[in-house]
Amino acid sequence: AFIDRYNKKYGYVPDDVGALTWDALGIVQAAIQSMDKITGNIEKDRQSVRDAMAKIKEFNGITGKMTFTENGDPIKCAVIVRISDKGEYEFFKSVCP
């Protein structure tokens, strides 16, 4: 669904950077939505967003489910693609930690 919507809007199929950026913004959005209030004070709000992001332990994004370590590092499966005989990228396999 994401790929189709993206392609329709921008005229090309997104790469992994586009999909990962979408997920990153989804994490920021989830953090902001979990906050009690936004004060309008950039320093306080910036810290509040950062604190809210640190509380996210799991996120289901378009690139898959990810969990976060206590240091905030993401852990998720990686998708491996290969180039077909036709010169096109194709799914090969997923590798999970």
PDB file of N, CA and C in Angstrom:
ATOM      1  N   ALA A   1       0.822  -1.195   0.000  1.00  0.00           N
ATOM      2  CA  ALA A   1       0.000   0.000   0.000  1.00  0.00           C
ATOM      3  C   ALA A   1       0.872   1.268   0.000  1.00  0.00           C
ATOM      4  N   PHE A   2       1.911   1.284   0.828  1.00  0.00           N
ATOM      5  CA  PHE A   2       2.801   2.450   0.882  1.00  0.00           C
ATOM      6  C   PHE A   2       3.442   2.699  -0.473  1.00  0.00           C
ATOM      7  N   ILE A   3       3.957   1.640  -1.087  1.00  0.00           N
ATOM      8  CA  ILE A   3       4.645   1.782  -2.372  1.00  0.00           C
ATOM      9  C   ILE A   3       3.694   2.324  -3.427  1.00  0.00           C
ATOM     10  N   ASP A   4       2.475   1.801  -3.463  1.00  0.00           N
ATOM     11  CA  ASP A   4       1.489   2.265  -4.450  1.00  0.00           C
ATOM     12  C   ASP A   4       1.133   3.732  -4.240  1.00  0.00           C
ATOM     13  N   ARG A   5       0.890   4.118  -2.993  1.00  0.00           N
ATOM     14  CA  ARG A   5       0.544   5.521  -2.701  1.00  0.00           C
ATOM     15  C   ARG A   5       1.709   6.446  -3.036  1.00  0.00           C
ATOM     16  N   TYR A   6       2.903   6.047  -2.684  1.00  0.00           N
ATOM     17  CA  TYR A   6       4.099   6.849  -2.953  1.00  0.00           C
ATOM     18  C   TYR A   6       4.289   7.013  -4.459  1.00  0.00           C
ATOM     19  N   ASN A   7       4.194   5.904  -5.181  1.00  0.00           N
ATOM     20  CA  ASN A   7       4.379   5.934  -6.630  1.00  0.00           C
ATOM     21  C   ASN A   7       3.329   6.820  -7.300  1.00  0.00           C
ATOM     22  N   LYS A   8       2.104   6.742  -6.826  1.00  0.00           N
ATOM     23  CA  LYS A   8       1.029   7.565  -7.398  1.00  0.00           C
ATOM     24  C   LYS A   8       1.303   9.050  -7.165  1.00  0.00           C
ATOM     25  N   LYS A   9       1.773   9.393  -5.977  1.00  0.00           N
ATOM     26  CA  LYS A   9       1.994  10.798  -5.645  1.00  0.00           C
ATOM     27  C   LYS A   9       3.255  11.372  -6.286  1.00  0.00           C
ATOM     28  N   TYR A  10       4.350  10.604  -6.271  1.00  0.00           N
ATOM     29  CA  TYR A  10       5.640  11.145  -6.708  1.00  0.00           C
ATOM     30  C   TYR A  10       6.111  10.628  -8.069  1.00  0.00           C
ATOM     31  N   GLY A  11       5.431   9.615  -8.598  1.00  0.00           N
ATOM     32  CA  GLY A  11       5.752   9.130  -9.932  1.00  0.00           C
ATOM     33  C   GLY A  11       6.901   8.147 -10.022  1.00  0.00           C
ATOM     34  N   TYR A  12       7.342   7.621  -8.902  1.00  0.00           N
ATOM     35  CA  TYR A  12       8.370   6.578  -8.917  1.00  0.00           C
ATOM     36  C   TYR A  12       8.258   5.729  -7.651  1.00  0.00           C
ATOM     37  N   VAL A  13       8.793   4.534  -7.728  1.00  0.00           N
ATOM     38  CA  VAL A  13       8.761   3.610  -6.596  1.00  0.00           C
ATOM     39  C   VAL A  13       9.817   4.048  -5.583  1.00  0.00           C
ATOM     40  N   PRO A  14       9.440   4.150  -4.306  1.00  0.00           N
ATOM     41  CA  PRO A  14      10.407   4.605  -3.305  1.00  0.00           C
ATOM     42  C   PRO A  14      11.501   3.564  -3.071  1.00  0.00           C
ATOM     43  N   ASP A  15      12.664   4.064  -2.694  1.00  0.00           N
ATOM     44  CA  ASP A  15      13.740   3.155  -2.321  1.00  0.00           C
ATOM     45  C   ASP A  15      13.685   2.907  -0.816  1.00  0.00           C
ATOM     46  N   ASP A  16      14.659   2.191  -0.305  1.00  0.00           N
ATOM     47  CA  ASP A  16      14.674   1.882   1.120  1.00  0.00           C
ATOM     48  C   ASP A  16      14.784   3.133   1.979  1.00  0.00           C
ATOM     49  N   VAL A  17      15.466   4.147   1.490  1.00  0.00           N
ATOM     50  CA  VAL A  17      15.604   5.388   2.263  1.00  0.00           C
ATOM     51  C   VAL A  17      14.238   6.044   2.459  1.00  0.00           C
ATOM     52  N   GLY A  18      13.422   6.059   1.426  1.00  0.00           N
ATOM     53  CA  GLY A  18      12.079   6.625   1.544  1.00  0.00           C
ATOM     54  C   GLY A  18      11.246   5.876   2.568  1.00  0.00           C
ATOM     55  N   ALA A  19      11.309   4.561   2.543  1.00  0.00           N
ATOM     56  CA  ALA A  19      10.537   3.751   3.483  1.00  0.00           C
ATOM     57  C   ALA A  19      11.053   3.913   4.911  1.00  0.00           C
ATOM     58  N   LEU A  20      12.354   3.932   5.086  1.00  0.00           N
ATOM     59  CA  LEU A  20      12.921   4.105   6.424  1.00  0.00           C
ATOM     60  C   LEU A  20      12.641   5.500   6.972  1.00  0.00           C
ATOM     61  N   THR A  21      12.648   6.498   6.094  1.00  0.00           N
ATOM     62  CA  THR A  21      12.306   7.860   6.517  1.00  0.00           C
ATOM     63  C   THR A  21      10.858   7.919   6.972  1.00  0.00           C
ATOM     64  N   TRP A  22       9.974   7.250   6.246  1.00  0.00           N
ATOM     65  CA  TRP A  22       8.558   7.188   6.626  1.00  0.00           C
ATOM     66  C   TRP A  22       8.427   6.607   8.034  1.00  0.00           C
ATOM     67  N   ASP A  23       9.151   5.521   8.308  1.00  0.00           N
ATOM     68  CA  ASP A  23       9.098   4.914   9.635  1.00  0.00           C
ATOM     69  C   ASP A  23       9.679   5.843  10.698  1.00  0.00           C
ATOM     70  N   ALA A  24      10.770   6.523  10.389  1.00  0.00           N
ATOM     71  CA  ALA A  24      11.368   7.449  11.358  1.00  0.00           C
ATOM     72  C   ALA A  24      10.379   8.546  11.733  1.00  0.00           C
ATOM     73  N   LEU A  25       9.694   9.081  10.731  1.00  0.00           N
ATOM     74  CA  LEU A  25       8.691  10.113  11.014  1.00  0.00           C
ATOM     75  C   LEU A  25       7.513   9.531  11.790  1.00  0.00           C
ATOM     76  N   GLY A  26       7.200   8.267  11.542  1.00  0.00           N
ATOM     77  CA  GLY A  26       6.137   7.612  12.309  1.00  0.00           C
ATOM     78  C   GLY A  26       6.493   7.494  13.777  1.00  0.00           C
ATOM     79  N   ILE A  27       7.757   7.244  14.067  1.00  0.00           N
ATOM     80  CA  ILE A  27       8.210   7.163  15.457  1.00  0.00           C
ATOM     81  C   ILE A  27       8.115   8.533  16.123  1.00  0.00           C
ATOM     82  N   VAL A  28       8.535   9.569  15.424  1.00  0.00           N
ATOM     83  CA  VAL A  28       8.431  10.931  15.967  1.00  0.00           C
ATOM     84  C   VAL A  28       6.960  11.284  16.200  1.00  0.00           C
ATOM     85  N   GLN A  29       6.105  10.944  15.245  1.00  0.00           N
ATOM     86  CA  GLN A  29       4.674  11.219  15.391  1.00  0.00           C
ATOM     87  C   GLN A  29       4.100  10.490  16.607  1.00  0.00           C
ATOM     88  N   ALA A  30       4.451   9.223  16.780  1.00  0.00           N
ATOM     89  CA  ALA A  30       3.965   8.465  17.931  1.00  0.00           C
ATOM     90  C   ALA A  30       4.426   9.107  19.237  1.00  0.00           C
ATOM     91  N   ALA A  31       5.659   9.586  19.261  1.00  0.00           N
ATOM     92  CA  ALA A  31       6.181  10.244  20.462  1.00  0.00           C
ATOM     93  C   ALA A  31       5.402  11.516  20.762  1.00  0.00           C
ATOM     94  N   ILE A  32       5.183  12.337  19.747  1.00  0.00           N
ATOM     95  CA  ILE A  32       4.454  13.596  19.947  1.00  0.00           C
ATOM     96  C   ILE A  32       3.027  13.320  20.402  1.00  0.00           C
ATOM     97  N   GLN A  33       2.385  12.324  19.804  1.00  0.00           N
ATOM     98  CA  GLN A  33       1.008  12.007  20.180  1.00  0.00           C
ATOM     99  C   GLN A  33       0.901  11.464  21.596  1.00  0.00           C
ATOM    100  N   SER A  34       1.984  10.905  22.119  1.00  0.00           N
ATOM    101  CA  SER A  34       1.952  10.369  23.478  1.00  0.00           C
ATOM    102  C   SER A  34       2.210  11.432  24.544  1.00  0.00           C
ATOM    103  N   MET A  35       2.643  12.618  24.122  1.00  0.00           N
ATOM    104  CA  MET A  35       2.954  13.688  25.075  1.00  0.00           C
ATOM    105  C   MET A  35       1.672  14.268  25.665  1.00  0.00           C
ATOM    106  N   ASP A  36       1.764  14.699  26.920  1.00  0.00           N
ATOM    107  CA  ASP A  36       0.616  15.317  27.575  1.00  0.00           C
ATOM    108  C   ASP A  36       0.233  16.628  26.910  1.00  0.00           C
ATOM    109  N   LYS A  37       1.231  17.459  26.632  1.00  0.00           N
ATOM    110  CA  LYS A  37       0.951  18.748  26.004  1.00  0.00           C
ATOM    111  C   LYS A  37       2.196  19.280  25.320  1.00  0.00           C
ATOM    112  N   ILE A  38       1.964  20.198  24.409  1.00  0.00           N
ATOM    113  CA  ILE A  38       3.048  20.931  23.763  1.00  0.00           C
ATOM    114  C   ILE A  38       2.972  22.348  24.308  1.00  0.00           C
ATOM    115  N   THR A  39       4.084  22.823  24.863  1.00  0.00           N
ATOM    116  CA  THR A  39       4.067  24.101  25.572  1.00  0.00           C
ATOM    117  C   THR A  39       4.305  25.307  24.673  1.00  0.00           C
ATOM    118  N   GLY A  40       4.959  25.082  23.530  1.00  0.00           N
ATOM    119  CA  GLY A  40       5.349  26.209  22.688  1.00  0.00           C
ATOM    120  C   GLY A  40       6.754  26.688  22.998  1.00  0.00           C
ATOM    121  N   ASN A  41       7.336  26.177  24.077  1.00  0.00           N
ATOM    122  CA  ASN A  41       8.720  26.481  24.430  1.00  0.00           C
ATOM    123  C   ASN A  41       9.595  25.435  23.744  1.00  0.00           C
ATOM    124  N   ILE A  42      10.365  25.859  22.754  1.00  0.00           N
ATOM    125  CA  ILE A  42      11.111  24.924  21.916  1.00  0.00           C
ATOM    126  C   ILE A  42      12.054  24.034  22.722  1.00  0.00           C
ATOM    127  N   GLU A  43      12.717  24.585  23.728  1.00  0.00           N
ATOM    128  CA  GLU A  43      13.647  23.785  24.519  1.00  0.00           C
ATOM    129  C   GLU A  43      12.907  22.704  25.309  1.00  0.00           C
ATOM    130  N   LYS A  44      11.816  23.082  25.961  1.00  0.00           N
ATOM    131  CA  LYS A  44      11.043  22.111  26.746  1.00  0.00           C
ATOM    132  C   LYS A  44      10.400  21.067  25.841  1.00  0.00           C
ATOM    133  N   ASP A  45       9.815  21.520  24.736  1.00  0.00           N
ATOM    134  CA  ASP A  45       9.136  20.592  23.836  1.00  0.00           C
ATOM    135  C   ASP A  45      10.124  19.639  23.167  1.00  0.00           C
ATOM    136  N   ARG A  46      11.288  20.144  22.807  1.00  0.00           N
ATOM    137  CA  ARG A  46      12.318  19.293  22.202  1.00  0.00           C
ATOM    138  C   ARG A  46      12.701  18.177  23.169  1.00  0.00           C
ATOM    139  N   GLN A  47      12.905  18.535  24.429  1.00  0.00           N
ATOM    140  CA  GLN A  47      13.258  17.530  25.437  1.00  0.00           C
ATOM    141  C   GLN A  47      12.101  16.559  25.664  1.00  0.00           C
ATOM    142  N   SER A  48      10.874  17.062  25.647  1.00  0.00           N
ATOM    143  CA  SER A  48       9.706  16.198  25.838  1.00  0.00           C
ATOM    144  C   SER A  48       9.558  15.191  24.700  1.00  0.00           C
ATOM    145  N   VAL A  49       9.808  15.635  23.473  1.00  0.00           N
ATOM    146  CA  VAL A  49       9.748  14.719  22.327  1.00  0.00           C
ATOM    147  C   VAL A  49      10.841  13.665  22.464  1.00  0.00           C
ATOM    148  N   ARG A  50      12.026  14.093  22.818  1.00  0.00           N
ATOM    149  CA  ARG A  50      13.141  13.158  22.997  1.00  0.00           C
ATOM    150  C   ARG A  50      12.818  12.135  24.078  1.00  0.00           C
ATOM    151  N   ASP A  51      12.266  12.587  25.212  1.00  0.00           N
ATOM    152  CA  ASP A  51      11.910  11.679  26.301  1.00  0.00           C
ATOM    153  C   ASP A  51      10.813  10.705  25.873  1.00  0.00           C
ATOM    154  N   ALA A  52       9.836  11.207  25.121  1.00  0.00           N
ATOM    155  CA  ALA A  52       8.747  10.347  24.640  1.00  0.00           C
ATOM    156  C   ALA A  52       9.279   9.300  23.660  1.00  0.00           C
ATOM    157  N   MET A  53      10.222   9.692  22.816  1.00  0.00           N
ATOM    158  CA  MET A  53      10.817   8.724  21.888  1.00  0.00           C
ATOM    159  C   MET A  53      11.579   7.641  22.653  1.00  0.00           C
ATOM    160  N   ALA A  54      12.241   8.016  23.728  1.00  0.00           N
ATOM    161  CA  ALA A  54      13.007   7.053  24.524  1.00  0.00           C
ATOM    162  C   ALA A  54      12.101   6.023  25.190  1.00  0.00           C
ATOM    163  N   LYS A  55      10.835   6.353  25.367  1.00  0.00           N
ATOM    164  CA  LYS A  55       9.884   5.427  25.994  1.00  0.00           C
ATOM    165  C   LYS A  55       9.303   4.420  25.002  1.00  0.00           C
ATOM    166  N   ILE A  56       9.489   4.658  23.719  1.00  0.00           N
ATOM    167  CA  ILE A  56       8.961   3.729  22.714  1.00  0.00           C
ATOM    168  C   ILE A  56       9.849   2.486  22.705  1.00  0.00           C
ATOM    169  N   LYS A  57       9.255   1.357  22.994  1.00  0.00           N
ATOM    170  CA  LYS A  57      10.014   0.102  23.053  1.00  0.00           C
ATOM    171  C   LYS A  57       9.770  -0.774  21.829  1.00  0.00           C
ATOM    172  N   GLU A  58       8.679  -0.494  21.094  1.00  0.00           N
ATOM    173  CA  GLU A  58       8.337  -1.293  19.926  1.00  0.00           C
ATOM    174  C   GLU A  58       7.578  -0.420  18.940  1.00  0.00           C
ATOM    175  N   PHE A  59       7.855  -0.604  17.663  1.00  0.00           N
ATOM    176  CA  PHE A  59       7.171   0.170  16.623  1.00  0.00           C
ATOM    177  C   PHE A  59       6.939  -0.729  15.419  1.00  0.00           C
ATOM    178  N   ASN A  60       5.707  -0.742  14.937  1.00  0.00           N
ATOM    179  CA  ASN A  60       5.365  -1.501  13.737  1.00  0.00           C
ATOM    180  C   ASN A  60       5.291  -0.535  12.574  1.00  0.00           C
ATOM    181  N   GLY A  61       6.326  -0.524  11.766  1.00  0.00           N
ATOM    182  CA  GLY A  61       6.386   0.392  10.636  1.00  0.00           C
ATOM    183  C   GLY A  61       6.180  -0.327   9.319  1.00  0.00           C
ATOM    184  N   ILE A  62       6.267   0.432   8.235  1.00  0.00           N
ATOM    185  CA  ILE A  62       6.082  -0.180   6.922  1.00  0.00           C
ATOM    186  C   ILE A  62       7.270  -1.053   6.527  1.00  0.00           C
ATOM    187  N   THR A  63       8.414  -0.838   7.162  1.00  0.00           N
ATOM    188  CA  THR A  63       9.576  -1.680   6.873  1.00  0.00           C
ATOM    189  C   THR A  63       9.647  -2.874   7.812  1.00  0.00           C
ATOM    190  N   GLY A  64       8.676  -3.002   8.694  1.00  0.00           N
ATOM    191  CA  GLY A  64       8.631  -4.135   9.609  1.00  0.00           C
ATOM    192  C   GLY A  64       8.596  -3.701  11.061  1.00  0.00           C
ATOM    193  N   LYS A  65       8.527  -4.697  11.913  1.00  0.00           N
ATOM    194  CA  LYS A  65       8.484  -4.451  13.356  1.00  0.00           C
ATOM    195  C   LYS A  65       9.899  -4.214  13.862  1.00  0.00           C
ATOM    196  N   MET A  66      10.035  -3.211  14.710  1.00  0.00           N
ATOM    197  CA  MET A  66      11.335  -2.970  15.330  1.00  0.00           C
ATOM    198  C   MET A  66      11.157  -2.794  16.830  1.00  0.00           C
ATOM    199  N   THR A  67      12.149  -3.260  17.549  1.00  0.00           N
ATOM    200  CA  THR A  67      12.199  -3.039  18.988  1.00  0.00           C
ATOM    201  C   THR A  67      13.442  -2.198  19.255  1.00  0.00           C
ATOM    202  N   PHE A  68      13.484  -1.621  20.440  1.00  0.00           N
ATOM    203  CA  PHE A  68      14.599  -0.735  20.775  1.00  0.00           C
ATOM    204  C   PHE A  68      15.274  -1.201  22.054  1.00  0.00           C
ATOM    205  N   THR A  69      16.598  -1.150  22.061  1.00  0.00           N
ATOM    206  CA  THR A  69      17.357  -1.507  23.253  1.00  0.00           C
ATOM    207  C   THR A  69      17.214  -0.386  24.280  1.00  0.00           C
ATOM    208  N   GLU A  70      17.749  -0.611  25.459  1.00  0.00           N
ATOM    209  CA  GLU A  70      17.683   0.430  26.489  1.00  0.00           C
ATOM    210  C   GLU A  70      18.472   1.668  26.087  1.00  0.00           C
ATOM    211  N   ASN A  71      19.402   1.528  25.147  1.00  0.00           N
ATOM    212  CA  ASN A  71      20.152   2.680  24.633  1.00  0.00           C
ATOM    213  C   ASN A  71      19.470   3.340  23.446  1.00  0.00           C
ATOM    214  N   GLY A  72      18.321   2.789  23.026  1.00  0.00           N
ATOM    215  CA  GLY A  72      17.583   3.376  21.916  1.00  0.00           C
ATOM    216  C   GLY A  72      17.966   2.849  20.545  1.00  0.00           C
ATOM    217  N   ASP A  73      18.831   1.844  20.506  1.00  0.00           N
ATOM    218  CA  ASP A  73      19.225   1.275  19.220  1.00  0.00           C
ATOM    219  C   ASP A  73      18.119   0.367  18.694  1.00  0.00           C
ATOM    220  N   PRO A  74      17.776   0.491  17.406  1.00  0.00           N
ATOM    221  CA  PRO A  74      16.718  -0.355  16.853  1.00  0.00           C
ATOM    222  C   PRO A  74      17.237  -1.753  16.516  1.00  0.00           C
ATOM    223  N   ILE A  75      16.368  -2.724  16.721  1.00  0.00           N
ATOM    224  CA  ILE A  75      16.655  -4.101  16.330  1.00  0.00           C
ATOM    225  C   ILE A  75      15.511  -4.542  15.428  1.00  0.00           C
ATOM    226  N   LYS A  76      15.847  -4.967  14.213  1.00  0.00           N
ATOM    227  CA  LYS A  76      14.815  -5.418  13.282  1.00  0.00           C
ATOM    228  C   LYS A  76      15.432  -6.314  12.230  1.00  0.00           C
ATOM    229  N   CYS A  77      14.561  -6.994  11.532  1.00  0.00           N
ATOM    230  CA  CYS A  77      15.006  -7.849  10.435  1.00  0.00           C
ATOM    231  C   CYS A  77      15.471  -6.979   9.273  1.00  0.00           C
ATOM    232  N   ALA A  78      16.423  -7.507   8.527  1.00  0.00           N
ATOM    233  CA  ALA A  78      16.903  -6.821   7.326  1.00  0.00           C
ATOM    234  C   ALA A  78      16.416  -7.593   6.105  1.00  0.00           C
ATOM    235  N   VAL A  79      16.021  -6.865   5.089  1.00  0.00           N
ATOM    236  CA  VAL A  79      15.587  -7.474   3.837  1.00  0.00           C
ATOM    237  C   VAL A  79      16.764  -7.469   2.874  1.00  0.00           C
ATOM    238  N   ILE A  80      17.006  -8.605   2.277  1.00  0.00           N
ATOM    239  CA  ILE A  80      18.081  -8.723   1.294  1.00  0.00           C
ATOM    240  C   ILE A  80      17.443  -8.886  -0.083  1.00  0.00           C
ATOM    241  N   VAL A  81      17.864  -8.050  -1.005  1.00  0.00           N
ATOM    242  CA  VAL A  81      17.367  -8.133  -2.381  1.00  0.00           C
ATOM    243  C   VAL A  81      18.515  -8.549  -3.292  1.00  0.00           C
ATOM    244  N   ARG A  82      18.153  -9.052  -4.433  1.00  0.00           N
ATOM    245  CA  ARG A  82      19.159  -9.410  -5.427  1.00  0.00           C
ATOM    246  C   ARG A  82      18.699  -8.897  -6.784  1.00  0.00           C
ATOM    247  N   ILE A  83      19.603  -8.897  -7.725  1.00  0.00           N
ATOM    248  CA  ILE A  83      19.268  -8.459  -9.076  1.00  0.00           C
ATOM    249  C   ILE A  83      18.944  -9.695  -9.905  1.00  0.00           C
ATOM    250  N   SER A  84      17.758  -9.692 -10.501  1.00  0.00           N
ATOM    251  CA  SER A  84      17.305 -10.834 -11.294  1.00  0.00           C
ATOM    252  C   SER A  84      18.044 -10.896 -12.628  1.00  0.00           C
ATOM    253  N   ASP A  85      17.793 -11.959 -13.364  1.00  0.00           N
ATOM    254  CA  ASP A  85      18.383 -12.107 -14.699  1.00  0.00           C
ATOM    255  C   ASP A  85      17.929 -10.992 -15.637  1.00  0.00           C
ATOM    256  N   LYS A  86      16.783 -10.379 -15.318  1.00  0.00           N
ATOM    257  CA  LYS A  86      16.255  -9.270 -16.122  1.00  0.00           C
ATOM    258  C   LYS A  86      16.833  -7.925 -15.689  1.00  0.00           C
ATOM    259  N   GLY A  87      17.715  -7.950 -14.674  1.00  0.00           N
ATOM    260  CA  GLY A  87      18.317  -6.714 -14.191  1.00  0.00           C
ATOM    261  C   GLY A  87      17.443  -5.938 -13.231  1.00  0.00           C
ATOM    262  N   GLU A  88      16.434  -6.608 -12.656  1.00  0.00           N
ATOM    263  CA  GLU A  88      15.516  -5.944 -11.724  1.00  0.00           C
ATOM    264  C   GLU A  88      15.794  -6.418 -10.301  1.00  0.00           C
ATOM    265  N   TYR A  89      15.532  -5.534  -9.353  1.00  0.00           N
ATOM    266  CA  TYR A  89      15.664  -5.911  -7.954  1.00  0.00           C
ATOM    267  C   TYR A  89      14.512  -6.826  -7.587  1.00  0.00           C
ATOM    268  N   GLU A  90      14.822  -7.869  -6.808  1.00  0.00           N
ATOM    269  CA  GLU A  90      13.782  -8.767  -6.331  1.00  0.00           C
ATOM    270  C   GLU A  90      14.122  -9.211  -4.914  1.00  0.00           C
ATOM    271  N   PHE A  91      13.073  -9.497  -4.153  1.00  0.00           N
ATOM    272  CA  PHE A  91      13.248  -9.969  -2.791  1.00  0.00           C
ATOM    273  C   PHE A  91      14.021 -11.286  -2.805  1.00  0.00           C
ATOM    274  N   PHE A  92      14.993 -11.410  -1.914  1.00  0.00           N
ATOM    275  CA  PHE A  92      15.743 -12.659  -1.780  1.00  0.00           C
ATOM    276  C   PHE A  92      15.381 -13.345  -0.466  1.00  0.00           C
ATOM    277  N   LYS A  93      15.608 -12.645   0.660  1.00  0.00           N
ATOM    278  CA  LYS A  93      15.247 -13.207   1.957  1.00  0.00           C
ATOM    279  C   LYS A  93      15.348 -12.142   3.034  1.00  0.00           C
ATOM    280  N   SER A  94      14.789 -12.462   4.194  1.00  0.00           N
ATOM    281  CA  SER A  94      14.915 -11.615   5.379  1.00  0.00           C
ATOM    282  C   SER A  94      15.881 -12.283   6.341  1.00  0.00           C
ATOM    283  N   VAL A  95      16.672 -11.474   7.007  1.00  0.00           N
ATOM    284  CA  VAL A  95      17.602 -11.971   8.013  1.00  0.00           C
ATOM    285  C   VAL A  95      17.289 -11.231   9.307  1.00  0.00           C
ATOM    286  N   CYS A  96      16.998 -12.011  10.343  1.00  0.00           N
ATOM    287  CA  CYS A  96      16.623 -11.396  11.619  1.00  0.00           C
ATOM    288  C   CYS A  96      17.687 -11.665  12.679  1.00  0.00           C
ATOM    289  N   PRO A  97      17.911 -10.683  13.549  1.00  0.00           N
ATOM    290  CA  PRO A  97      18.912 -10.870  14.612  1.00  0.00           C
ATOM    291  C   PRO A  97      18.436 -11.880  15.646  1.00  0.00           C
TER     292      PRO A  97
END
